[in-house]
Amino acid sequence: MRFARPAGLLLSAVAVALWAYGMTTWQPLTEPLGPWSEHLPGNNAYWARDLRFMAIMAVPLGLVLAGRGQVRWSGPAVVLGGCWIAADVAIDRADLIGVGATVRLAVAGYAVLGVVAAVLLWWERGNQSAADRRVLTGAACVAGVLTLVAAGIESPTDREPELNQGALATGVLLVALAVGAALAAAPARTRARVGLAAGLTGAAVLGVGLVRVAAPGERLLPEAALGAALLTGVTLLSWDWPDGRPIWRHHALAALTALVGPLVFVVATGITMMMMLPIGAAFTSLAGNSPINAADSDLLLSLAGLLSGLGMAVLLARPRVEDRRQLR
């Protein structure tokens, strides 16, 4: 797929800008006013951190798309994402704010992304390989589940207009990555698949907006519907169509899995993190931010979304008919 490289690099570049803006504009809004116990933040107080981490995760996802799922691209992309998270924590401690800081961070991010992309392009020179369809489909699943997390994220007050802006922007970016990776995983870019990709993109973006419009606490059903539509669409785009049409019973099973799987994975992962792995509190401490009130929990929703997306990838990243028959 010729579109994969420019589309993946462009989406990674958009993610860098979103990350820089989130660090210098949204993150300061979540900082408490003082260290006193009555001012300690509550559940989801650091929503800007989760949106920023999801923007960081979008950078390697874009590189995976640009490299058409090949190991020589996906491996370094994952390493870059991990290093970027570590750098984010250090930058968060500096409490950067303002337009100038946004520009500096964006320029630094583009420099890093440009160097990594240039090295990968040089490394690939003369070694063109076929796209790895399973990796691309898995990347689409991860982006799809992260879309649900971004769309449904809340805050203790649920009144910040900036939260809606950030959730919408992050959700739209992840929708584009999910659909782009799924289309790149298709065995052929036919007119039917391109039309389906356009329709799925529009429906998923509308779904993100509808989730944000729903009142906090009433977003479960819209999120489930968005997940079912987006992930089922991913399978329709990326899986084989023998004789020119989908195997509908396979996609029906995928739709059922997409309806319940993401939320089950997110809840199970979140409970595990709250009870056994307080990684959110560790990131809060490393960033020099105030701890969450003892009555609440410091849950890293972005990590829960990433792990849940990988779980869905195990179930749905089976683009070839032979891959799905192995499940019988």
Protein backbone atom coordinates (compact mmCIF):
# COMPACT_ATOMS: atom_id res chain seq x y z
CA MET A 1 0.00 0.00 0.00
CA ARG A 2 1.70 3.15 -1.21
CA PHE A 3 -0.32 5.41 1.08
CA ALA A 4 0.97 3.68 4.23
CA ARG A 5 4.32 5.46 4.45
CA PRO A 6 3.21 9.08 4.04
CA ALA A 7 0.05 8.50 6.07
CA GLY A 8 1.93 6.86 8.94
CA LEU A 9 4.60 9.57 9.09
CA LEU A 10 1.97 12.32 8.90
CA LEU A 11 -0.07 10.82 11.74
CA SER A 12 3.07 10.41 13.86
CA ALA A 13 3.85 14.09 13.25
CA VAL A 14 0.33 15.09 14.32
CA ALA A 15 0.78 13.01 17.48
CA VAL A 16 4.00 14.89 18.29
CA ALA A 17 2.20 18.24 18.06
CA LEU A 18 -0.66 16.94 20.21
CA TRP A 19 1.80 15.68 22.82
CA ALA A 20 3.63 19.02 22.99
CA TYR A 21 0.37 20.96 23.33
CA GLY A 22 -0.89 18.57 26.00
CA MET A 23 2.28 18.96 28.04
CA THR A 24 2.31 22.76 28.06
CA THR A 25 -1.40 23.62 27.95
CA TRP A 26 -3.52 20.79 29.37
CA GLN A 27 -1.15 19.38 31.98
CA PRO A 28 -0.89 22.64 33.99
CA LEU A 29 -4.69 22.64 34.30
CA THR A 30 -4.55 19.39 36.28
CA GLU A 31 -1.91 20.51 38.77
CA PRO A 32 -3.31 21.01 42.31
CA LEU A 33 -2.99 24.39 44.02
CA GLY A 34 -1.10 23.16 47.04
CA PRO A 35 0.33 20.14 48.88
CA TRP A 36 -2.26 20.15 51.66
CA SER A 37 -4.39 17.06 52.15
CA GLU A 38 -7.67 18.85 51.44
CA HIS A 39 -6.32 19.82 48.01
CA LEU A 40 -5.16 16.35 46.98
CA PRO A 41 -6.62 15.41 43.57
CA GLY A 42 -9.20 12.66 43.03
CA ASN A 43 -9.96 10.00 40.45
CA ASN A 44 -8.78 10.76 36.91
CA ALA A 45 -7.35 14.10 38.03
CA TYR A 46 -4.36 13.67 35.74
CA TRP A 47 -6.46 13.19 32.61
CA ALA A 48 -3.99 15.32 30.65
CA ARG A 49 -1.26 12.77 31.37
CA ASP A 50 -3.37 9.95 29.94
CA LEU A 51 -4.21 11.92 26.81
CA ARG A 52 -0.54 12.81 26.43
CA PHE A 53 0.57 9.20 26.87
CA MET A 54 -1.94 8.11 24.24
CA ALA A 55 -0.50 10.72 21.88
CA ILE A 56 2.94 9.26 22.57
CA MET A 57 1.60 5.76 21.81
CA ALA A 58 0.27 7.12 18.52
CA VAL A 59 3.83 7.99 17.42
CA PRO A 60 5.06 4.35 17.24
CA LEU A 61 1.70 3.25 15.84
CA GLY A 62 2.22 5.71 13.00
CA LEU A 63 5.72 4.36 12.43
CA VAL A 64 4.36 0.80 12.35
CA LEU A 65 1.93 1.95 9.66
CA ALA A 66 4.71 3.73 7.77
CA GLY A 67 6.82 0.58 7.85
CA ARG A 68 3.85 -1.61 6.83
CA GLY A 69 4.28 -3.69 9.97
CA GLN A 70 7.82 -4.83 9.18
CA VAL A 71 10.01 -5.76 12.14
CA ARG A 72 12.75 -3.31 11.17
CA TRP A 73 10.21 -0.52 11.72
CA SER A 74 7.97 -1.87 14.48
CA GLY A 75 10.82 -2.86 16.82
CA PRO A 76 12.53 0.56 16.89
CA ALA A 77 9.07 2.21 17.04
CA VAL A 78 8.25 0.41 20.29
CA VAL A 79 11.64 1.36 21.77
CA LEU A 80 11.06 4.97 20.75
CA GLY A 81 7.68 4.97 22.47
CA GLY A 82 9.16 3.68 25.72
CA CYS A 83 11.97 6.26 25.65
CA TRP A 84 9.46 9.01 24.89
CA ILE A 85 7.39 8.08 27.95
CA ALA A 86 10.51 8.32 30.11
CA ALA A 87 11.36 11.71 28.61
CA ASP A 88 7.78 12.86 29.18
CA VAL A 89 8.05 12.17 32.92
CA ALA A 90 11.25 14.19 33.13
CA ILE A 91 9.74 17.08 31.16
CA ASP A 92 6.62 17.00 33.34
CA ARG A 93 8.80 17.74 36.38
CA ALA A 94 9.95 20.96 34.70
CA ASP A 95 6.36 22.32 34.61
CA LEU A 96 6.66 23.90 31.18
CA ILE A 97 3.89 26.26 30.11
CA GLY A 98 3.17 28.71 27.31
CA VAL A 99 3.34 28.95 23.53
CA GLY A 100 7.12 29.16 23.49
CA ALA A 101 7.44 25.93 25.43
CA THR A 102 4.94 24.26 23.10
CA VAL A 103 6.98 25.25 20.05
CA ARG A 104 10.26 24.10 21.61
CA LEU A 105 8.83 20.73 22.58
CA ALA A 106 7.24 20.23 19.17
CA VAL A 107 10.49 21.10 17.37
CA ALA A 108 12.45 18.70 19.61
CA GLY A 109 9.87 15.98 19.00
CA TYR A 110 9.97 16.49 15.25
CA ALA A 111 13.76 16.34 15.32
CA VAL A 112 13.67 12.99 17.12
CA LEU A 113 10.96 11.63 14.84
CA GLY A 114 12.82 12.85 11.76
CA VAL A 115 16.09 11.21 12.81
CA VAL A 116 14.39 7.90 13.63
CA ALA A 117 12.44 7.91 10.36
CA ALA A 118 15.56 8.78 8.35
CA VAL A 119 17.53 5.95 9.96
CA LEU A 120 14.73 3.47 9.31
CA LEU A 121 14.38 4.57 5.70
CA TRP A 122 18.14 4.20 5.20
CA TRP A 123 18.09 0.81 6.88
CA GLU A 124 15.31 -0.36 4.61
CA ARG A 125 17.00 0.87 1.43
CA GLY A 126 17.22 -1.98 -1.07
CA ASN A 127 15.45 -4.38 1.32
CA GLN A 128 11.78 -3.98 0.43
CA SER A 129 9.63 -6.65 2.08
CA ALA A 130 5.97 -7.52 1.98
CA ALA A 131 3.70 -5.94 4.55
CA ASP A 132 3.16 -7.89 7.75
CA ARG A 133 -0.63 -8.00 7.79
CA ARG A 134 -0.93 -9.43 11.29
CA VAL A 135 1.18 -6.65 12.81
CA LEU A 136 -0.79 -3.99 10.96
CA THR A 137 -4.11 -5.50 12.07
CA GLY A 138 -2.82 -5.69 15.63
CA ALA A 139 -1.78 -2.03 15.49
CA ALA A 140 -5.28 -1.17 14.28
CA CYS A 141 -6.78 -3.06 17.24
CA VAL A 142 -4.54 -1.22 19.71
CA ALA A 143 -5.46 2.15 18.18
CA GLY A 144 -9.13 1.15 18.23
CA VAL A 145 -9.18 0.31 21.94
CA LEU A 146 -7.19 3.45 22.79
CA THR A 147 -9.87 5.40 20.91
CA LEU A 148 -12.47 4.14 23.40
CA VAL A 149 -10.30 5.14 26.35
CA ALA A 150 -9.68 8.61 24.93
CA ALA A 151 -13.34 9.13 24.09
CA GLY A 152 -14.59 8.10 27.53
CA ILE A 153 -11.99 9.71 29.77
CA GLU A 154 -13.38 11.79 32.63
CA SER A 155 -12.07 14.10 35.36
CA PRO A 156 -13.04 14.70 39.01
CA THR A 157 -15.13 17.77 38.11
CA ASP A 158 -16.24 16.74 34.58
CA ARG A 159 -16.51 20.40 33.63
CA GLU A 160 -13.25 21.19 31.87
CA PRO A 161 -13.86 22.27 28.26
CA GLU A 162 -10.21 21.48 27.59
CA LEU A 163 -10.85 17.84 28.48
CA ASN A 164 -13.47 17.57 25.73
CA GLN A 165 -11.10 19.23 23.26
CA GLY A 166 -8.25 16.91 24.16
CA ALA A 167 -10.40 13.78 24.15
CA LEU A 168 -11.86 14.63 20.74
CA ALA A 169 -8.49 15.46 19.19
CA THR A 170 -6.83 12.32 20.57
CA GLY A 171 -9.80 10.14 19.62
CA VAL A 172 -9.86 11.41 16.02
CA LEU A 173 -6.10 10.81 15.67
CA LEU A 174 -6.46 7.24 16.95
CA VAL A 175 -9.42 6.59 14.64
CA ALA A 176 -7.28 7.63 11.68
CA LEU A 177 -4.50 5.29 12.82
CA ALA A 178 -6.89 2.37 13.34
CA VAL A 179 -8.52 2.75 9.94
CA GLY A 180 -5.23 3.46 8.16
CA ALA A 181 -3.49 0.41 9.63
CA ALA A 182 -6.49 -1.82 8.86
CA LEU A 183 -6.62 -0.64 5.25
CA ALA A 184 -2.86 -1.15 4.88
CA ALA A 185 -3.35 -4.73 6.15
CA ALA A 186 -5.87 -5.49 3.41
CA PRO A 187 -4.66 -7.90 0.70
CA ALA A 188 -5.70 -5.36 -1.95
CA ARG A 189 -6.88 -1.75 -1.85
CA THR A 190 -10.12 -2.19 -3.78
CA ARG A 191 -12.74 0.48 -4.32
CA ALA A 192 -15.05 -1.32 -1.90
CA ARG A 193 -12.46 -1.34 0.87
CA VAL A 194 -11.56 2.32 0.33
CA GLY A 195 -15.25 3.26 0.49
CA LEU A 196 -15.64 1.18 3.64
CA ALA A 197 -12.61 2.91 5.18
CA ALA A 198 -14.08 6.34 4.46
CA GLY A 199 -17.45 5.37 5.92
CA LEU A 200 -15.87 3.77 8.98
CA THR A 201 -13.75 6.85 9.63
CA GLY A 202 -16.77 9.13 9.51
CA ALA A 203 -18.88 6.85 11.70
CA ALA A 204 -16.10 6.39 14.28
CA VAL A 205 -15.36 10.13 14.50
CA LEU A 206 -19.08 10.74 14.99
CA GLY A 207 -19.07 8.01 17.65
CA VAL A 208 -16.25 9.71 19.54
CA GLY A 209 -18.26 12.92 19.53
CA LEU A 210 -21.40 11.14 20.76
CA VAL A 211 -19.47 9.55 23.64
CA ARG A 212 -18.24 12.98 24.70
CA VAL A 213 -21.75 14.42 24.49
CA ALA A 214 -23.10 11.74 26.83
CA ALA A 215 -23.15 12.72 30.49
CA PRO A 216 -20.33 11.36 32.69
CA GLY A 217 -21.38 8.01 34.10
CA GLU A 218 -23.62 7.33 31.11
CA ARG A 219 -20.94 6.64 28.53
CA LEU A 220 -20.69 2.87 28.88
CA LEU A 221 -23.21 1.98 26.16
CA PRO A 222 -21.95 4.56 23.64
CA GLU A 223 -18.39 3.36 24.27
CA ALA A 224 -19.39 -0.27 23.74
CA ALA A 225 -21.18 0.64 20.51
CA LEU A 226 -18.19 2.65 19.29
CA GLY A 227 -15.83 -0.24 20.07
CA ALA A 228 -18.04 -2.76 18.32
CA ALA A 229 -18.36 -0.60 15.20
CA LEU A 230 -14.70 0.41 14.99
CA LEU A 231 -13.13 -2.99 15.69
CA THR A 232 -15.61 -4.87 13.51
CA GLY A 233 -14.79 -2.37 10.77
CA VAL A 234 -11.11 -3.10 11.31
CA THR A 235 -11.74 -6.79 10.62
CA LEU A 236 -13.84 -6.02 7.54
CA LEU A 237 -11.04 -3.87 6.15
CA SER A 238 -8.06 -6.08 6.99
CA TRP A 239 -9.34 -9.66 6.70
CA ASP A 240 -9.41 -11.68 3.49
CA TRP A 241 -12.52 -11.66 1.31
CA PRO A 242 -12.56 -15.05 -0.42
CA ASP A 243 -14.40 -14.90 -3.75
CA GLY A 244 -14.64 -11.14 -3.39
CA ARG A 245 -16.88 -10.99 -0.31
CA PRO A 246 -16.40 -11.28 3.47
CA ILE A 247 -17.04 -14.47 5.41
CA TRP A 248 -19.91 -13.01 7.37
CA ARG A 249 -19.99 -15.61 10.14
CA HIS A 250 -16.37 -14.79 10.97
CA HIS A 251 -17.17 -11.09 11.18
CA ALA A 252 -20.26 -11.79 13.28
CA LEU A 253 -18.04 -13.49 15.85
CA ALA A 254 -15.59 -10.60 15.60
CA ALA A 255 -18.44 -8.15 16.23
CA LEU A 256 -19.47 -10.01 19.38
CA THR A 257 -15.87 -10.03 20.57
CA ALA A 258 -15.51 -6.33 19.78
CA LEU A 259 -18.69 -5.52 21.68
CA VAL A 260 -17.66 -6.99 25.02
CA GLY A 261 -13.91 -7.59 24.77
CA PRO A 262 -12.46 -4.06 25.06
CA LEU A 263 -14.47 -3.07 28.13
CA VAL A 264 -13.82 -6.42 29.83
CA PHE A 265 -10.08 -6.08 29.18
CA VAL A 266 -9.99 -2.47 30.37
CA VAL A 267 -11.90 -3.21 33.57
CA ALA A 268 -9.82 -6.32 34.35
CA THR A 269 -6.57 -4.47 33.67
CA GLY A 270 -7.68 -1.47 35.70
CA ILE A 271 -8.65 -3.59 38.70
CA THR A 272 -5.33 -5.42 38.55
CA MET A 273 -3.43 -2.13 38.44
CA MET A 274 -5.40 -0.71 41.38
CA MET A 275 -4.97 -3.79 43.59
CA MET A 276 -1.53 -5.12 42.65
CA LEU A 277 0.44 -2.68 40.49
CA PRO A 278 0.12 0.97 41.58
CA ILE A 279 2.00 2.14 38.51
CA GLY A 280 -0.08 5.31 38.22
CA ALA A 281 1.06 6.47 41.65
CA ALA A 282 4.66 5.71 40.67
CA PHE A 283 4.40 7.91 37.56
CA THR A 284 2.76 10.66 39.60
CA SER A 285 5.62 10.59 42.08
CA LEU A 286 8.31 10.52 39.39
CA ALA A 287 6.73 13.54 37.70
CA GLY A 288 6.78 15.47 41.00
CA ASN A 289 2.99 15.81 41.18
CA SER A 290 0.78 15.57 44.24
CA PRO A 291 -0.48 12.05 45.06
CA ILE A 292 -4.11 11.12 44.58
CA ASN A 293 -6.34 11.29 47.64
CA ALA A 294 -6.20 8.06 49.65
CA ALA A 295 -9.93 7.54 49.17
CA ASP A 296 -9.47 7.42 45.39
CA SER A 297 -7.18 5.57 42.99
CA ASP A 298 -4.41 6.72 40.67
CA LEU A 299 -5.21 4.63 37.60
CA LEU A 300 -3.15 4.99 34.43
CA LEU A 301 -5.96 4.60 31.91
CA SER A 302 -3.66 4.93 28.92
CA LEU A 303 -1.64 1.88 30.00
CA ALA A 304 -4.84 -0.07 30.65
CA GLY A 305 -5.96 0.84 27.14
CA LEU A 306 -2.66 -0.23 25.62
CA LEU A 307 -2.69 -3.62 27.36
CA SER A 308 -6.35 -4.12 26.45
CA GLY A 309 -5.60 -3.26 22.84
CA LEU A 310 -2.88 -5.87 22.78
CA GLY A 311 -5.36 -8.38 24.20
CA MET A 312 -7.84 -7.57 21.43
CA ALA A 313 -5.03 -7.88 18.90
CA VAL A 314 -4.42 -11.45 20.04
CA LEU A 315 -8.08 -12.20 19.32
CA LEU A 316 -8.66 -10.23 16.13
CA ALA A 317 -5.30 -9.83 14.38
CA ARG A 318 -5.98 -12.78 12.07
CA PRO A 319 -6.35 -11.33 8.57
CA ARG A 320 -5.93 -14.57 6.66
CA VAL A 321 -8.60 -17.25 6.61
CA GLU A 322 -5.97 -19.81 7.63
CA ASP A 323 -5.19 -17.75 10.75
CA ARG A 324 -8.80 -17.89 11.89
CA ARG A 325 -9.21 -21.59 11.16
CA GLN A 326 -6.43 -22.31 13.64
CA LEU A 327 -8.82 -21.21 16.41
CA ARG A 328 -11.18 -24.11 15.76
